[in-house]
Amino acid sequence: MWLFGLVDAIEVGSTMTLLRRTVLALLLLFGSAVLAENEVCAKTLEWRVFNTQNSGLPDNQIQSIAVGNQDAVWIATAKGLSRFDGKGWTTYDPSNSGLPDSYVQCVQPDKQGNVWVGTMKGVSSFDGNTWTTYSTDNSPLPSNNIAAIHADAQGRVWIATAKGLAVVDGSNWAVYNAGNSLILDDLVLSVVVDSSGTAWIGTFDSFQFNGRLLRFDGSTWKRYRLELYELNSSFPVALTVDEHNVVWMGVKGTAGGAVVKIDNGEWTVFRRFDSEFPGSAVQAIVQESSCCRWMATAQGLVLHDGEYWTVLDQRSAGLPDEPLTTVAVDSRGNKWVGMLQGGVAVYNKSGVVTTSTVSPENTEGIALLGSFPNPCGASAHIRYRLGTAGYMQMSVCDLFGKEVAVPAHGYYQAGEYLAVFDAAALPEGIYICSLQTAGRTQAHTIVKMK
């Protein structure tokens, strides 16, 4: 009886033979077994989004992201510091920690396992149990306004401030400013140390309104004026070093953005008009391998593989929001991207993999609601509901797992939607439609008949 009930539940037409109806019922039964696997048609999501609605983030304005021990992700926001360990979220602010301010501007783990956090009221170090805060009141820190922090391989912590550069080596401090270095206007924006121990420091001369790059090997200073490389009024806000000791610098300014490669003193500048770099203002650069670096820009996430430039933006790649503020890479190859207003987006071309779970209250209402007509002819309309805003992917596959259509994909607000499955060129048979969002996958059987 249940078999004939299954057949009668399908809108099949009065002229269908009993044999055809029976075969159809068996196909549907087989299709249900396929659905039980829940993996045959699910296309892996390349993006995953965390925000105040579906995670423990205290704010959607992201300032900085860093990856620490065991892939713990530290996220600096405008309303506190968050730590995501793949399973849960912990948020720190002045009410439950030693942070001097909830507006966190930068974060950086060091080689000893401490996490350094920069704010506009000083810098704090956290060893997992105890917070230690340094300010102009209790340390040689030249300014409480912290722009960037870098922890080098020698165990030193470099702190870029609005009035010079501080270096902490255990309990020893050194401060560099206009009085004892080539940091003329004291405004330090970025710092990185290469494998030889040489520091590269991005500064800005407010009097001449031009950026400077400084090189300091521990005893000798050298200054590079960015306007001499046609980078007028540029802020050198991003620095990284690859495994060949090549320095990569990202700038932003009145003329847009650029990326500079510095290899043994030779400068190569990538701009919109003389390279494939899109010319967006660069906020951060991170090195993933000897040939690949990722850049957070005002117009998307940019990959440079040593030869080619690839832009992942809202229009072409499903990036949830722009502009971007920061980027970090974990050991799984996930790119953690901070957005100015949209929270955190995680990108992985092979599919985002974390050990996290999304709480049930945030996934209720995410469902495939059915399709009509079913069986269908040339096309079918698929109804689905999203309980929360985020990136989704709808795929249709045959019973062998081959993807035959993508009726919908992209970043959507919560609500009910209708997608169209174009089946005109497909043979008769069973097809599996899957809807995947961050944290949940649902599937639905569609029958194609002529």
Protein backbone atom coordinates (compact mmCIF):
# COMPACT_ATOMS: atom_id res chain seq x y z
CA MET A 1 0.00 0.00 0.00
CA TRP A 2 2.79 2.46 0.84
CA LEU A 3 4.28 1.91 -2.62
CA PHE A 4 1.07 2.88 -4.42
CA GLY A 5 0.61 5.75 -2.00
CA LEU A 6 4.04 7.00 -2.96
CA VAL A 7 3.12 6.86 -6.64
CA ASP A 8 -0.22 8.56 -6.11
CA ALA A 9 1.49 11.38 -4.21
CA ILE A 10 3.29 12.33 -7.43
CA GLU A 11 1.50 14.41 -10.02
CA VAL A 12 1.88 11.98 -12.95
CA GLY A 13 -0.85 12.34 -15.56
CA SER A 14 -3.76 9.98 -16.21
CA THR A 15 -2.21 8.30 -19.27
CA MET A 16 0.80 6.88 -17.39
CA THR A 17 0.88 3.09 -17.49
CA LEU A 18 0.97 1.01 -14.34
CA LEU A 19 4.38 -0.31 -15.30
CA ARG A 20 5.82 3.17 -15.72
CA ARG A 21 4.30 4.24 -12.41
CA THR A 22 5.86 1.24 -10.67
CA VAL A 23 9.29 1.94 -12.16
CA LEU A 24 8.97 5.55 -11.13
CA ALA A 25 8.12 4.52 -7.58
CA LEU A 26 11.15 2.25 -7.41
CA LEU A 27 13.35 5.04 -8.75
CA LEU A 28 12.04 7.37 -6.07
CA LEU A 29 12.70 4.73 -3.43
CA PHE A 30 16.26 4.37 -4.72
CA GLY A 31 16.59 8.13 -4.79
CA SER A 32 15.59 8.30 -1.13
CA ALA A 33 18.38 5.88 -0.28
CA VAL A 34 20.79 8.13 -2.12
CA LEU A 35 19.53 11.10 -0.14
CA ALA A 36 20.32 9.27 3.09
CA GLU A 37 24.00 9.62 2.21
CA ASN A 38 23.48 13.41 2.14
CA GLU A 39 26.79 13.85 0.31
CA VAL A 40 26.21 12.67 -3.26
CA CYS A 41 25.23 16.09 -4.57
CA ALA A 42 26.37 18.54 -1.92
CA LYS A 43 28.78 20.99 -3.52
CA THR A 44 31.36 22.09 -0.96
CA LEU A 45 31.01 25.72 0.06
CA GLU A 46 33.96 27.92 -0.75
CA TRP A 47 32.79 30.67 1.64
CA ARG A 48 31.56 30.64 5.19
CA VAL A 49 30.45 33.72 7.12
CA PHE A 50 30.58 34.50 10.83
CA ASN A 51 28.81 37.56 12.20
CA THR A 52 26.94 38.73 15.28
CA GLN A 53 23.86 36.74 14.25
CA ASN A 54 25.41 33.28 13.91
CA SER A 55 28.53 33.34 16.08
CA GLY A 56 30.10 34.77 19.22
CA LEU A 57 31.49 37.84 17.47
CA PRO A 58 30.67 40.96 19.51
CA ASP A 59 30.70 43.24 16.46
CA ASN A 60 30.77 43.01 12.66
CA GLN A 61 33.50 45.65 12.24
CA ILE A 62 36.69 43.60 11.98
CA GLN A 63 40.06 45.30 12.49
CA SER A 64 42.58 42.46 12.52
CA ILE A 65 42.78 38.64 12.44
CA ALA A 66 45.65 36.37 13.50
CA VAL A 67 46.01 32.58 13.75
CA GLY A 68 47.66 31.21 16.89
CA ASN A 69 48.48 27.83 18.39
CA GLN A 70 46.33 24.89 17.25
CA ASP A 71 44.69 27.12 14.64
CA ALA A 72 42.94 29.26 17.23
CA VAL A 73 41.72 32.36 15.40
CA TRP A 74 41.98 35.70 17.19
CA ILE A 75 39.70 38.43 15.85
CA ALA A 76 40.00 42.11 16.77
CA THR A 77 36.69 43.95 16.53
CA ALA A 78 35.34 47.37 17.39
CA LYS A 79 33.71 45.91 20.52
CA GLY A 80 36.24 43.46 21.88
CA LEU A 81 38.56 40.59 21.06
CA SER A 82 37.19 37.16 20.06
CA ARG A 83 38.88 33.78 20.05
CA PHE A 84 37.47 30.95 17.93
CA ASP A 85 38.94 27.48 18.53
CA GLY A 86 36.89 25.65 15.91
CA LYS A 87 34.23 24.64 18.44
CA GLY A 88 33.30 27.71 20.42
CA TRP A 89 33.79 31.43 20.88
CA THR A 90 35.33 33.41 23.72
CA THR A 91 35.11 37.20 23.79
CA TYR A 92 37.31 39.51 25.86
CA ASP A 93 36.63 43.13 26.71
CA PRO A 94 37.46 45.43 29.66
CA SER A 95 34.64 43.91 31.70
CA ASN A 96 36.12 40.38 31.79
CA SER A 97 39.82 40.82 31.02
CA GLY A 98 42.79 43.13 31.34
CA LEU A 99 42.11 44.86 28.03
CA PRO A 100 42.25 48.63 28.51
CA ASP A 101 39.71 49.30 25.74
CA SER A 102 37.06 47.38 23.81
CA TYR A 103 38.04 49.00 20.49
CA VAL A 104 40.76 46.55 19.44
CA GLN A 105 42.97 47.65 16.55
CA CYS A 106 45.39 44.73 16.11
CA VAL A 107 46.25 41.30 17.47
CA GLN A 108 49.36 39.10 17.16
CA PRO A 109 50.42 35.84 18.87
CA ASP A 110 54.12 35.57 19.71
CA LYS A 111 56.49 32.57 19.64
CA GLN A 112 56.00 31.87 23.36
CA GLY A 113 52.25 31.44 23.01
CA ASN A 114 51.29 34.86 24.32
CA VAL A 115 48.79 36.99 22.44
CA TRP A 116 49.48 40.71 22.06
CA VAL A 117 46.52 43.02 21.63
CA GLY A 118 46.73 46.65 20.53
CA THR A 119 44.12 49.27 21.38
CA MET A 120 43.91 53.06 21.49
CA LYS A 121 44.65 52.92 25.22
CA GLY A 122 47.75 50.74 25.23
CA VAL A 123 48.82 47.19 24.48
CA SER A 124 48.04 44.01 26.44
CA SER A 125 49.74 40.62 26.60
CA PHE A 126 47.69 37.51 27.43
CA ASP A 127 49.33 34.16 28.30
CA GLY A 128 46.05 32.25 28.54
CA ASN A 129 45.54 33.05 32.20
CA THR A 130 46.95 36.47 33.01
CA TRP A 131 46.64 39.81 31.26
CA THR A 132 49.46 42.35 31.42
CA THR A 133 48.76 45.83 30.07
CA TYR A 134 51.37 48.40 29.06
CA SER A 135 50.70 52.08 28.58
CA THR A 136 52.60 55.34 28.71
CA ASP A 137 51.88 55.37 32.45
CA ASN A 138 53.69 52.16 33.39
CA SER A 139 56.13 51.44 30.54
CA PRO A 140 58.40 53.10 27.93
CA LEU A 141 55.62 52.75 25.35
CA PRO A 142 55.80 56.03 23.36
CA SER A 143 52.06 56.20 22.61
CA ASN A 144 48.91 54.37 23.65
CA ASN A 145 47.59 54.40 20.08
CA ILE A 146 48.74 51.04 18.66
CA ALA A 147 48.59 50.57 14.88
CA ALA A 148 50.31 47.21 14.36
CA ILE A 149 52.18 44.44 16.22
CA HIS A 150 54.72 41.96 14.88
CA ALA A 151 56.33 39.05 16.74
CA ASP A 152 59.63 37.97 15.17
CA ALA A 153 61.44 34.62 15.16
CA GLN A 154 63.88 35.84 17.85
CA GLY A 155 61.08 36.31 20.36
CA ARG A 156 60.92 40.09 20.13
CA VAL A 157 57.64 41.97 19.85
CA TRP A 158 57.58 45.09 17.66
CA ILE A 159 54.85 47.61 18.44
CA ALA A 160 53.99 50.33 15.92
CA THR A 161 52.49 53.42 17.55
CA ALA A 162 51.45 56.94 16.64
CA LYS A 163 54.65 58.31 18.20
CA GLY A 164 57.34 55.84 17.30
CA LEU A 165 58.30 52.17 17.42
CA ALA A 166 58.71 50.08 20.57
CA VAL A 167 60.50 46.73 20.75
CA VAL A 168 59.96 44.39 23.70
CA ASP A 169 62.47 41.60 24.32
CA GLY A 170 61.42 39.89 27.53
CA SER A 171 61.55 42.64 30.14
CA ASN A 172 63.76 44.90 28.02
CA TRP A 173 62.33 47.78 26.01
CA ALA A 174 63.76 49.86 23.17
CA VAL A 175 62.03 52.86 21.63
CA TYR A 176 62.80 54.42 18.24
CA ASN A 177 61.53 57.82 17.16
CA ALA A 178 62.77 61.04 15.56
CA GLY A 179 65.36 61.47 18.30
CA ASN A 180 67.34 58.29 17.61
CA SER A 181 66.25 56.93 14.21
CA LEU A 182 64.99 57.86 10.75
CA ILE A 183 61.38 57.73 11.92
CA LEU A 184 60.94 61.43 11.18
CA ASP A 185 57.32 62.10 12.03
CA ASP A 186 56.97 59.24 14.53
CA LEU A 187 53.82 57.83 12.89
CA VAL A 188 54.49 54.10 12.39
CA LEU A 189 51.88 52.11 10.45
CA SER A 190 53.40 48.65 9.90
CA VAL A 191 56.42 46.52 10.75
CA VAL A 192 57.84 43.12 9.76
CA VAL A 193 61.16 41.37 10.44
CA ASP A 194 62.85 39.15 7.86
CA SER A 195 64.81 35.95 8.52
CA SER A 196 68.09 37.86 8.92
CA GLY A 197 66.62 39.92 11.78
CA THR A 198 66.30 43.08 9.69
CA ALA A 199 63.20 45.14 10.41
CA TRP A 200 61.15 46.81 7.69
CA ILE A 201 59.02 49.66 8.97
CA GLY A 202 56.25 51.54 7.19
CA THR A 203 55.83 55.15 8.30
CA PHE A 204 54.09 58.30 7.12
CA ASP A 205 55.54 61.81 7.10
CA SER A 206 52.57 64.04 7.92
CA PHE A 207 54.51 67.23 7.16
CA GLN A 208 55.30 66.24 3.58
CA PHE A 209 52.24 63.95 3.32
CA ASN A 210 54.21 61.06 1.90
CA GLY A 211 54.97 57.53 2.96
CA ARG A 212 58.35 56.12 3.92
CA LEU A 213 59.75 52.61 4.16
CA LEU A 214 62.61 52.16 6.62
CA ARG A 215 65.13 49.36 6.86
CA PHE A 216 66.84 48.72 10.22
CA ASP A 217 69.39 45.92 10.70
CA GLY A 218 69.98 46.61 14.39
CA SER A 219 72.59 49.30 13.89
CA THR A 220 72.06 51.00 10.52
CA TRP A 221 68.99 52.74 9.17
CA LYS A 222 68.01 53.26 5.54
CA ARG A 223 65.05 55.24 4.28
CA TYR A 224 63.06 54.84 1.04
CA ARG A 225 60.80 57.68 -0.08
CA LEU A 226 57.68 56.29 -1.72
CA GLU A 227 57.06 59.32 -3.92
CA LEU A 228 60.28 58.54 -5.78
CA TYR A 229 58.58 55.33 -6.96
CA GLU A 230 55.48 57.26 -8.12
CA LEU A 231 53.63 56.32 -4.94
CA ASN A 232 52.63 59.82 -3.96
CA SER A 233 50.64 60.37 -0.75
CA SER A 234 50.69 56.64 -0.03
CA PHE A 235 50.34 54.96 3.35
CA PRO A 236 52.45 51.77 3.71
CA VAL A 237 50.00 49.92 5.94
CA ALA A 238 50.83 46.30 5.05
CA LEU A 239 54.14 44.40 5.14
CA THR A 240 55.09 40.73 4.85
CA VAL A 241 58.22 38.73 3.97
CA ASP A 242 58.31 35.50 1.97
CA GLU A 243 60.65 32.55 2.57
CA HIS A 244 63.19 34.01 0.14
CA ASN A 245 63.43 37.18 2.24
CA VAL A 246 61.57 39.17 -0.40
CA VAL A 247 59.59 42.01 1.16
CA TRP A 248 56.05 42.67 -0.04
CA MET A 249 54.43 46.00 0.83
CA GLY A 250 50.84 47.07 0.36
CA VAL A 251 49.90 50.74 0.20
CA LYS A 252 46.78 52.84 0.04
CA GLY A 253 46.43 56.53 -0.68
CA THR A 254 44.82 59.29 -2.67
CA ALA A 255 45.74 57.60 -5.96
CA GLY A 256 44.38 54.19 -4.94
CA GLY A 257 46.48 51.22 -3.97
CA ALA A 258 49.56 49.33 -5.08
CA VAL A 259 51.74 46.36 -4.17
CA VAL A 260 55.53 46.63 -4.04
CA LYS A 261 58.02 43.78 -4.27
CA ILE A 262 61.46 44.51 -2.79
CA ASP A 263 64.07 41.89 -3.68
CA ASN A 264 67.69 42.66 -2.73
CA GLY A 265 67.05 46.38 -3.02
CA GLU A 266 65.27 46.12 -6.39
CA TRP A 267 61.75 47.53 -6.38
CA THR A 268 58.90 46.27 -8.56
CA VAL A 269 55.68 48.24 -8.26
CA PHE A 270 52.34 46.71 -9.27
CA ARG A 271 49.60 49.24 -10.03
CA ARG A 272 46.38 49.22 -11.99
CA PHE A 273 47.83 50.86 -15.10
CA ASP A 274 51.01 48.78 -15.41
CA SER A 275 50.01 45.30 -14.12
CA GLU A 276 47.03 43.04 -13.51
CA PHE A 277 46.76 44.20 -9.90
CA PRO A 278 43.31 45.84 -9.63
CA GLY A 279 44.65 48.99 -7.99
CA SER A 280 42.53 48.73 -4.85
CA ALA A 281 43.69 50.16 -1.56
CA VAL A 282 45.60 47.40 0.26
CA GLN A 283 44.86 46.88 3.94
CA ALA A 284 46.77 43.66 4.69
CA ILE A 285 49.05 41.07 3.06
CA VAL A 286 49.71 37.53 4.24
CA GLN A 287 52.07 34.95 2.79
CA GLU A 288 50.62 31.44 2.34
CA SER A 289 53.56 29.83 0.56
CA SER A 290 56.71 30.82 -1.30
CA CYS A 291 54.66 31.70 -4.37
CA CYS A 292 51.26 32.70 -3.01
CA ARG A 293 50.21 35.77 -1.08
CA TRP A 294 46.76 37.06 -0.23
CA MET A 295 45.76 40.70 0.05
CA ALA A 296 42.76 42.27 1.71
CA THR A 297 41.75 45.28 -0.39
CA ALA A 298 38.93 47.77 -0.64
CA GLN A 299 37.43 45.84 -3.56
CA GLY A 300 37.94 42.22 -2.60
CA LEU A 301 40.38 39.46 -1.77
CA VAL A 302 43.36 39.36 -4.15
CA LEU A 303 45.65 36.39 -4.79
CA HIS A 304 49.09 36.73 -6.37
CA ASP A 305 50.67 33.38 -7.24
CA GLY A 306 53.99 34.80 -8.40
CA GLU A 307 52.77 35.39 -11.92
CA TYR A 308 49.03 35.93 -12.09
CA TRP A 309 46.58 38.08 -10.14
CA THR A 310 43.15 36.77 -9.16
CA VAL A 311 40.45 38.97 -7.64
CA LEU A 312 37.71 37.42 -5.51
CA ASP A 313 34.99 40.02 -5.09
CA GLN A 314 31.23 40.21 -4.58
CA ARG A 315 30.39 40.22 -8.28
CA SER A 316 32.59 37.40 -9.53
CA ALA A 317 33.31 35.16 -6.56
CA GLY A 318 30.53 35.50 -4.01
CA LEU A 319 32.52 37.52 -1.47
CA PRO A 320 29.88 38.43 1.14
CA ASP A 321 30.87 42.08 1.62
CA GLU A 322 33.39 44.79 0.76
CA PRO A 323 35.67 46.54 1.68
CA LEU A 324 38.04 44.17 3.45
CA THR A 325 40.24 45.10 6.38
CA THR A 326 42.48 42.10 7.07
CA VAL A 327 43.34 38.52 6.08
CA ALA A 328 45.01 35.52 7.78
CA VAL A 329 45.63 31.89 6.74
CA ASP A 330 45.35 28.83 8.97
CA SER A 331 47.02 25.41 8.60
CA ARG A 332 44.05 23.99 6.67
CA GLY A 333 44.43 26.62 3.98
CA ASN A 334 41.38 28.58 5.08
CA LYS A 335 41.65 32.29 4.38
CA TRP A 336 40.09 34.29 7.24
CA VAL A 337 38.96 37.63 5.87
CA GLY A 338 37.82 40.58 7.95
CA MET A 339 35.15 42.89 6.56
CA LEU A 340 34.54 46.48 7.53
CA GLN A 341 30.86 45.89 8.26
CA GLY A 342 30.04 42.26 7.46
CA GLY A 343 31.95 40.25 10.05
CA VAL A 344 34.36 37.46 9.05
CA ALA A 345 34.33 35.49 5.79
CA VAL A 346 36.31 32.25 5.50
CA TYR A 347 37.42 31.19 2.02
CA ASN A 348 38.86 27.92 0.77
CA LYS A 349 38.65 26.87 -2.87
CA SER A 350 38.64 23.23 -1.78
CA GLY A 351 35.87 23.90 0.72
CA VAL A 352 35.94 25.54 4.13
CA VAL A 353 36.69 22.98 6.84
CA THR A 354 36.53 23.81 10.52
CA THR A 355 35.48 21.69 13.46
CA SER A 356 32.89 24.24 14.48
CA THR A 357 29.20 23.70 14.88
CA VAL A 358 26.39 26.20 14.42
CA SER A 359 23.84 26.32 17.21
CA PRO A 360 20.42 24.84 16.36
CA GLU A 361 18.61 28.12 16.92
CA ASN A 362 20.61 29.66 14.10
CA THR A 363 19.80 26.91 11.58
CA GLU A 364 16.09 26.45 12.24
CA GLY A 365 14.04 27.25 9.18
CA ILE A 366 16.83 26.48 6.68
CA ALA A 367 15.07 24.03 4.39
CA LEU A 368 14.19 22.89 0.91
CA LEU A 369 10.42 23.26 0.78
CA GLY A 370 9.82 21.23 -2.38
CA SER A 371 9.62 21.69 -6.13
CA PHE A 372 6.81 21.97 -8.65
CA PRO A 373 5.84 20.37 -10.86
CA ASN A 374 7.34 17.08 -9.73
CA PRO A 375 7.80 15.15 -11.97
CA CYS A 376 8.86 18.04 -14.15
CA GLY A 377 9.33 18.51 -17.86
CA ALA A 378 11.61 21.25 -19.18
CA SER A 379 11.93 23.01 -15.82
CA ALA A 380 10.99 22.96 -12.15
CA HIS A 381 10.61 25.68 -9.55
CA ILE A 382 12.34 24.98 -6.23
CA ARG A 383 11.17 26.67 -3.04
CA TYR A 384 13.63 27.07 -0.16
CA ARG A 385 13.98 29.00 3.06
CA LEU A 386 17.05 30.51 4.76
CA GLY A 387 16.81 31.09 8.49
CA THR A 388 19.77 33.48 8.64
CA ALA A 389 21.69 35.62 6.19
CA GLY A 390 24.73 34.00 4.64
CA TYR A 391 26.28 32.33 1.65
CA MET A 392 24.39 29.41 0.10
CA GLN A 393 24.88 26.98 -2.77
CA MET A 394 22.10 25.03 -4.47
CA SER A 395 23.26 22.18 -6.72
CA VAL A 396 21.45 19.56 -8.77
CA CYS A 397 23.19 16.25 -9.50
CA ASP A 398 22.31 12.99 -11.18
CA LEU A 399 22.38 9.70 -9.29
CA PHE A 400 26.06 9.26 -10.08
CA GLY A 401 26.91 12.49 -8.26
CA LYS A 402 27.63 14.52 -11.40
CA GLU A 403 26.57 18.12 -11.03
CA VAL A 404 24.18 19.11 -13.83
CA ALA A 405 22.94 22.53 -12.65
CA VAL A 406 23.42 25.28 -10.07
CA PRO A 407 19.99 26.95 -9.76
CA ALA A 408 21.15 29.44 -7.10
CA HIS A 409 24.27 30.52 -5.26
CA GLY A 410 25.55 33.61 -3.50
CA TYR A 411 24.97 35.67 -0.37
CA TYR A 412 21.31 35.94 0.65
CA GLN A 413 19.35 37.54 3.45
CA ALA A 414 17.02 35.39 5.56
CA GLY A 415 13.73 34.58 3.87
CA GLU A 416 11.94 32.34 1.37
CA TYR A 417 13.09 32.13 -2.24
CA LEU A 418 12.24 30.45 -5.53
CA ALA A 419 14.89 29.02 -7.86
CA VAL A 420 14.43 27.60 -11.37
CA PHE A 421 15.94 24.26 -12.36
CA ASP A 422 16.41 24.16 -16.14
CA ALA A 423 16.06 20.50 -17.11
CA ALA A 424 15.29 20.91 -20.81
CA ALA A 425 18.52 19.33 -22.02
CA LEU A 426 18.60 16.54 -19.43
CA PRO A 427 17.42 12.95 -19.89
CA GLU A 428 14.59 11.42 -17.92
CA GLY A 429 15.50 10.21 -14.47
CA ILE A 430 16.02 11.02 -10.81
CA TYR A 431 17.94 14.15 -9.82
CA ILE A 432 19.07 15.23 -6.38
CA CYS A 433 18.82 18.89 -5.41
CA SER A 434 20.93 19.91 -2.41
CA LEU A 435 20.93 23.17 -0.49
CA GLN A 436 24.06 23.89 1.55
CA THR A 437 24.63 26.78 3.92
CA ALA A 438 27.11 27.32 6.73
CA GLY A 439 26.37 24.48 9.10
CA ARG A 440 23.64 22.54 7.30
CA THR A 441 22.81 20.62 4.11
CA GLN A 442 19.37 19.52 2.91
CA ALA A 443 18.43 17.49 -0.14
CA HIS A 444 15.33 16.91 -2.27
CA THR A 445 14.44 14.49 -5.08
CA ILE A 446 13.27 15.81 -8.46
CA VAL A 447 11.98 13.50 -11.21
CA LYS A 448 12.47 14.53 -14.85
CA MET A 449 9.99 13.13 -17.38
CA LYS A 450 9.14 14.12 -20.94
